[in-house]
N, C-alpha and C. Protein backbone atom coordinates (compact mmCIF):
# COMPACT_ATOMS: atom_id res chain seq x y z
N UNK A 1 80.65 108.82 -6.73
CA UNK A 1 80.31 108.39 -5.79
C UNK A 1 80.77 109.04 -4.55
N UNK A 2 80.58 109.74 -3.29
CA UNK A 2 81.37 110.59 -2.13
C UNK A 2 80.68 108.97 -1.47
N UNK A 3 82.15 108.45 -0.11
CA UNK A 3 81.53 107.62 0.75
C UNK A 3 82.71 107.62 2.19
N UNK A 4 82.75 107.73 2.69
CA UNK A 4 83.27 107.11 3.92
C UNK A 4 84.70 105.65 3.63
N UNK A 5 85.84 105.89 3.44
CA UNK A 5 86.81 105.05 3.05
C UNK A 5 87.11 105.05 4.47
N UNK A 6 87.77 103.18 5.43
CA UNK A 6 89.09 103.38 5.93
C UNK A 6 90.23 103.69 5.10
N UNK A 7 91.59 104.10 5.46
CA UNK A 7 92.47 103.73 5.03
C UNK A 7 93.97 103.13 5.80
N UNK A 8 93.98 102.63 5.46
CA UNK A 8 95.20 101.69 6.39
C UNK A 8 96.66 101.90 5.84
N UNK A 9 96.43 102.35 4.72
CA UNK A 9 98.27 102.38 4.44
C UNK A 9 98.09 103.84 3.30
N UNK A 10 99.19 103.56 2.92
CA UNK A 10 99.58 104.68 1.26
C UNK A 10 101.18 104.79 0.62
N UNK A 11 101.10 104.55 -0.22
CA UNK A 11 102.29 104.37 -0.74
C UNK A 11 102.30 105.73 -2.15
N UNK A 12 103.65 106.18 -2.04
CA UNK A 12 104.00 106.86 -3.25
C UNK A 12 105.10 106.13 -3.74
N UNK A 13 104.71 106.25 -5.95
CA UNK A 13 105.62 105.34 -6.31
C UNK A 13 106.06 106.42 -7.60
N UNK A 14 107.08 106.51 -8.43
CA UNK A 14 108.00 107.11 -9.40
C UNK A 14 108.94 106.31 -9.96
N UNK A 15 108.84 106.32 -11.26
CA UNK A 15 109.86 105.65 -11.79
C UNK A 15 109.64 104.91 -13.13
N UNK A 16 110.52 103.92 -13.45
CA UNK A 16 110.12 103.79 -14.63
C UNK A 16 110.05 102.59 -14.89
N UNK A 17 109.90 101.30 -15.98
CA UNK A 17 109.80 99.96 -15.94
C UNK A 17 109.38 99.42 -16.79
N UNK A 18 110.73 99.20 -17.66
CA UNK A 18 110.89 98.66 -19.16
C UNK A 18 110.53 99.73 -20.16
N UNK A 19 110.39 100.70 -19.71
CA UNK A 19 110.76 102.12 -20.68
C UNK A 19 109.28 102.90 -20.30
N UNK A 20 108.45 102.28 -19.47
CA UNK A 20 107.14 102.51 -19.40
C UNK A 20 107.07 103.29 -18.13
N UNK A 21 107.27 104.82 -18.31
CA UNK A 21 106.91 105.44 -16.88
C UNK A 21 105.59 105.81 -16.02
N UNK A 22 106.47 105.73 -14.55
CA UNK A 22 105.21 105.75 -13.17
C UNK A 22 105.16 106.41 -12.67
N UNK A 23 103.67 106.62 -11.93
CA UNK A 23 104.47 108.21 -11.27
C UNK A 23 102.70 108.24 -10.12
N UNK A 24 102.05 107.68 -8.83
CA UNK A 24 101.04 107.64 -7.78
C UNK A 24 101.73 107.76 -6.86
N UNK A 25 100.37 107.91 -6.47
CA UNK A 25 100.01 107.19 -4.65
C UNK A 25 99.14 106.58 -4.44
N UNK A 26 99.22 105.58 -4.49
CA UNK A 26 98.15 104.72 -3.78
C UNK A 26 97.72 104.63 -2.31
N UNK A 27 96.16 104.62 -2.10
CA UNK A 27 96.06 104.37 -0.74
C UNK A 27 95.53 103.10 -0.37
N UNK A 28 95.41 102.04 0.73
CA UNK A 28 94.93 101.42 1.49
C UNK A 28 94.22 101.08 1.78
N UNK A 29 93.05 100.27 1.63
CA UNK A 29 91.88 101.00 1.64
C UNK A 29 91.03 99.14 2.59
N UNK A 30 90.09 99.54 3.37
CA UNK A 30 89.57 97.86 4.41
C UNK A 30 88.36 98.17 2.99
N UNK A 31 87.79 97.19 3.20
CA UNK A 31 86.60 96.37 2.19
C UNK A 31 85.92 95.71 2.49
N UNK A 32 84.93 95.48 3.54
CA UNK A 32 84.19 94.48 3.46
C UNK A 32 83.67 93.54 3.01
N UNK A 33 84.00 92.23 3.24
CA UNK A 33 83.50 90.97 2.80
C UNK A 33 81.76 91.25 2.24
N UNK A 34 81.50 90.58 1.11
CA UNK A 34 80.01 90.33 1.03
C UNK A 34 79.34 89.37 2.40
N UNK A 35 78.83 90.22 2.71
CA UNK A 35 77.37 89.44 3.46
C UNK A 35 76.84 87.92 3.22
N UNK A 36 76.92 87.61 2.00
CA UNK A 36 75.99 87.33 1.07
C UNK A 36 76.93 85.58 1.14
N UNK A 37 78.25 85.86 1.51
CA UNK A 37 78.93 84.90 1.03
C UNK A 37 79.32 84.18 2.89
N UNK A 38 79.12 82.71 2.98
CA UNK A 38 78.78 82.55 4.29
C UNK A 38 80.45 81.82 4.95
N UNK A 39 81.36 81.75 3.77
CA UNK A 39 82.40 81.57 3.91
C UNK A 39 83.74 82.32 4.47
N UNK A 40 83.28 83.69 4.31
CA UNK A 40 84.16 85.35 4.35
C UNK A 40 83.96 85.48 5.59
N UNK A 41 84.16 86.54 6.41
CA UNK A 41 84.17 86.89 7.46
C UNK A 41 84.93 87.99 7.61
N UNK A 42 84.26 90.09 8.27
CA UNK A 42 85.73 90.97 8.27
C UNK A 42 86.01 91.71 7.00
N UNK A 43 87.37 92.12 6.31
CA UNK A 43 87.72 92.84 5.89
C UNK A 43 88.67 92.18 4.94
N UNK A 44 89.48 92.79 4.13
CA UNK A 44 89.81 92.34 2.96
C UNK A 44 90.47 94.25 2.85
N UNK A 45 92.00 94.27 1.89
CA UNK A 45 92.75 94.94 2.14
C UNK A 45 92.65 95.21 0.35
N UNK A 46 91.88 97.21 -0.24
CA UNK A 46 92.16 96.98 -2.01
C UNK A 46 92.77 98.57 -1.92
N UNK A 47 94.32 98.06 -2.53
CA UNK A 47 95.05 99.45 -2.81
C UNK A 47 93.69 100.33 -4.42
N UNK A 48 94.09 101.01 -4.10
CA UNK A 48 93.26 102.28 -4.66
C UNK A 48 94.81 103.45 -5.23
N UNK A 49 93.86 104.03 -6.63
CA UNK A 49 95.31 104.93 -6.98
C UNK A 49 93.96 106.12 -6.01
N UNK A 50 95.17 107.38 -5.55
CA UNK A 50 94.82 108.88 -5.43
C UNK A 50 94.78 109.62 -7.36
N UNK A 51 94.15 110.19 -6.68
CA UNK A 51 93.73 110.72 -8.25
C UNK A 51 95.09 112.16 -8.28
N UNK A 52 95.85 112.24 -8.96
CA UNK A 52 97.30 112.70 -9.01
C UNK A 52 98.33 112.26 -9.15
N UNK A 53 99.50 112.62 -8.36
CA UNK A 53 100.64 111.45 -8.97
C UNK A 53 101.19 111.28 -7.30
N UNK A 54 102.06 110.76 -7.24
CA UNK A 54 103.56 110.37 -6.52
C UNK A 54 103.50 111.80 -5.36
N UNK A 55 103.53 113.18 -5.78
CA UNK A 55 104.04 114.52 -4.97
C UNK A 55 102.79 114.44 -3.88
N UNK A 56 101.33 113.61 -4.24
CA UNK A 56 99.71 113.66 -3.15
C UNK A 56 101.01 113.16 -1.86
N UNK A 57 101.64 112.02 -2.22
CA UNK A 57 101.71 111.70 -0.73
C UNK A 57 102.51 112.88 0.35
N UNK A 58 103.26 114.13 -0.11
CA UNK A 58 104.43 114.66 0.78
C UNK A 58 103.88 116.14 1.16
N UNK A 59 102.60 116.65 -0.43
CA UNK A 59 101.08 117.39 -0.39
C UNK A 59 100.67 117.32 0.37
N UNK A 60 99.76 115.90 0.71
CA UNK A 60 98.78 115.79 1.80
C UNK A 60 99.01 115.32 3.07
N UNK A 61 100.53 115.10 3.02
CA UNK A 61 101.46 114.93 4.73
C UNK A 61 101.13 113.86 5.28
N UNK A 62 100.82 112.74 4.09
CA UNK A 62 100.77 111.43 4.34
C UNK A 62 101.46 110.25 5.55
N UNK A 63 103.05 111.25 5.48
CA UNK A 63 103.70 110.29 6.01
C UNK A 63 103.79 110.66 7.27
N UNK A 64 102.76 112.33 8.00
CA UNK A 64 102.73 111.99 9.62
C UNK A 64 101.06 111.76 10.02
N UNK A 65 100.47 111.38 8.97
CA UNK A 65 99.23 110.79 9.45
C UNK A 65 99.16 109.63 9.99
N UNK A 66 97.91 109.24 11.62
CA UNK A 66 98.28 107.92 12.33
C UNK A 66 97.20 107.10 10.43
N UNK A 67 97.89 106.27 11.14
CA UNK A 67 97.22 104.76 10.23
C UNK A 67 96.18 103.96 11.52
N UNK A 68 94.95 103.60 11.23
CA UNK A 68 94.37 103.91 10.22
C UNK A 68 92.95 104.87 10.88
N UNK A 69 92.84 105.76 9.65
CA UNK A 69 91.40 106.79 9.87
C UNK A 69 90.58 107.35 8.85
N UNK A 70 89.29 107.25 8.60
CA UNK A 70 88.84 107.39 8.20
C UNK A 70 88.55 108.53 7.57
N UNK A 71 87.83 108.63 6.11
CA UNK A 71 88.15 109.53 5.32
C UNK A 71 86.91 110.07 4.19
N UNK A 72 85.83 111.12 4.35
CA UNK A 72 85.13 111.08 3.07
C UNK A 72 85.81 111.22 1.95
N UNK A 73 85.37 110.71 0.84
CA UNK A 73 86.18 111.12 -0.13
C UNK A 73 85.59 110.57 -1.34
N UNK A 74 85.36 111.46 -2.72
CA UNK A 74 85.31 110.54 -3.94
C UNK A 74 85.60 109.74 -4.41
N UNK A 75 84.02 108.89 -4.62
CA UNK A 75 85.33 107.82 -5.81
C UNK A 75 84.59 106.89 -7.03
N UNK A 76 85.75 106.25 -7.61
CA UNK A 76 85.31 106.15 -9.35
C UNK A 76 86.19 105.11 -9.28
N UNK A 77 84.74 104.07 -10.72
CA UNK A 77 86.15 102.98 -10.56
C UNK A 77 85.89 102.97 -11.92
N UNK A 78 87.07 102.72 -12.90
CA UNK A 78 87.69 103.11 -14.42
C UNK A 78 87.91 101.50 -14.78
N UNK A 79 88.04 101.05 -16.13
CA UNK A 79 87.98 100.14 -16.83
C UNK A 79 89.59 100.52 -17.79
N UNK A 80 89.96 99.93 -17.97
CA UNK A 80 91.31 99.99 -18.90
C UNK A 80 90.85 98.72 -20.05
N UNK A 81 90.06 97.75 -19.85
CA UNK A 81 90.27 96.77 -21.14
C UNK A 81 90.38 95.72 -20.03
N UNK A 82 91.36 95.42 -19.21
CA UNK A 82 92.36 94.27 -18.55
C UNK A 82 91.46 93.87 -17.03
N UNK A 83 91.16 95.51 -16.56
CA UNK A 83 90.89 95.15 -15.44
C UNK A 83 89.64 96.76 -14.89
N UNK A 84 89.13 96.18 -13.21
CA UNK A 84 88.48 97.64 -13.03
C UNK A 84 88.99 97.83 -11.92
N UNK A 85 89.66 99.68 -12.38
CA UNK A 85 90.00 99.75 -10.38
C UNK A 85 89.70 100.86 -10.66
N UNK A 86 89.72 100.95 -8.71
CA UNK A 86 89.36 102.75 -8.10
C UNK A 86 89.84 103.27 -7.88
N UNK A 87 89.81 104.93 -8.54
CA UNK A 87 90.51 105.71 -8.08
C UNK A 87 90.21 107.00 -7.05
N UNK A 88 90.74 107.56 -6.38
CA UNK A 88 90.20 107.93 -4.60
C UNK A 88 90.26 109.84 -5.51
N UNK A 89 89.43 110.50 -5.08
CA UNK A 89 89.30 112.08 -5.68
C UNK A 89 89.58 112.35 -4.05
N UNK A 90 90.44 113.45 -3.55
CA UNK A 90 89.76 113.74 -2.49
C UNK A 90 90.08 115.18 -2.38
N UNK A 91 89.67 115.94 -1.03
CA UNK A 91 90.41 117.31 -1.02
C UNK A 91 91.60 117.68 -0.76
N UNK A 92 91.90 119.03 -0.87
CA UNK A 92 93.87 119.26 -0.90
C UNK A 92 94.00 118.78 0.74
N UNK A 93 93.12 118.96 1.75
CA UNK A 93 93.52 118.92 3.13
C UNK A 93 93.76 117.91 3.24
N UNK A 94 92.71 117.41 3.04
CA UNK A 94 92.96 115.29 3.75
C UNK A 94 92.86 115.26 5.05
N UNK A 95 91.96 115.40 5.49
CA UNK A 95 91.27 115.54 6.58
C UNK A 95 90.53 114.57 6.99
N UNK A 96 90.71 113.92 7.73
CA UNK A 96 90.21 112.07 8.32
C UNK A 96 89.12 112.82 9.19
N UNK A 97 87.49 112.01 9.34
CA UNK A 97 86.66 112.10 10.21
C UNK A 97 86.92 111.83 10.97
N UNK A 98 86.97 110.65 11.66
CA UNK A 98 87.56 110.11 12.54
C UNK A 98 89.00 109.03 12.63
N UNK A 99 89.74 108.30 13.72
CA UNK A 99 90.29 108.29 13.96
C UNK A 99 89.79 107.06 14.69
N UNK A 100 90.50 105.73 14.22
CA UNK A 100 89.44 104.30 14.14
C UNK A 100 90.72 104.71 15.43
N UNK A 101 89.25 103.14 16.05
CA UNK A 101 90.48 103.07 17.68
C UNK A 101 90.42 101.23 17.80
N UNK A 102 91.68 101.00 18.02
CA UNK A 102 92.36 99.60 17.95
C UNK A 102 92.18 99.18 19.39
């Protein structure tokens, strides 16, 4: 599914925990609350895995980006049996569509 996401943060992680290796970059994305629920307003933040590994943080120059920004990307949902999570696929340049006005 292709869409626009508001990216509010990014984090690279690489290491080992209890014998299991991990290597990823995650983007923190704003997600609007459902309008059908009268007890919620505004946005929540969801962490989504960026396709690839922790080197994407430097390859895509995330340290130099001004957050938040809007990004067009392709994303998919994947189930592990225990949880459903979102994987974001983007182009190599990570060109923001727009800077979010503060």
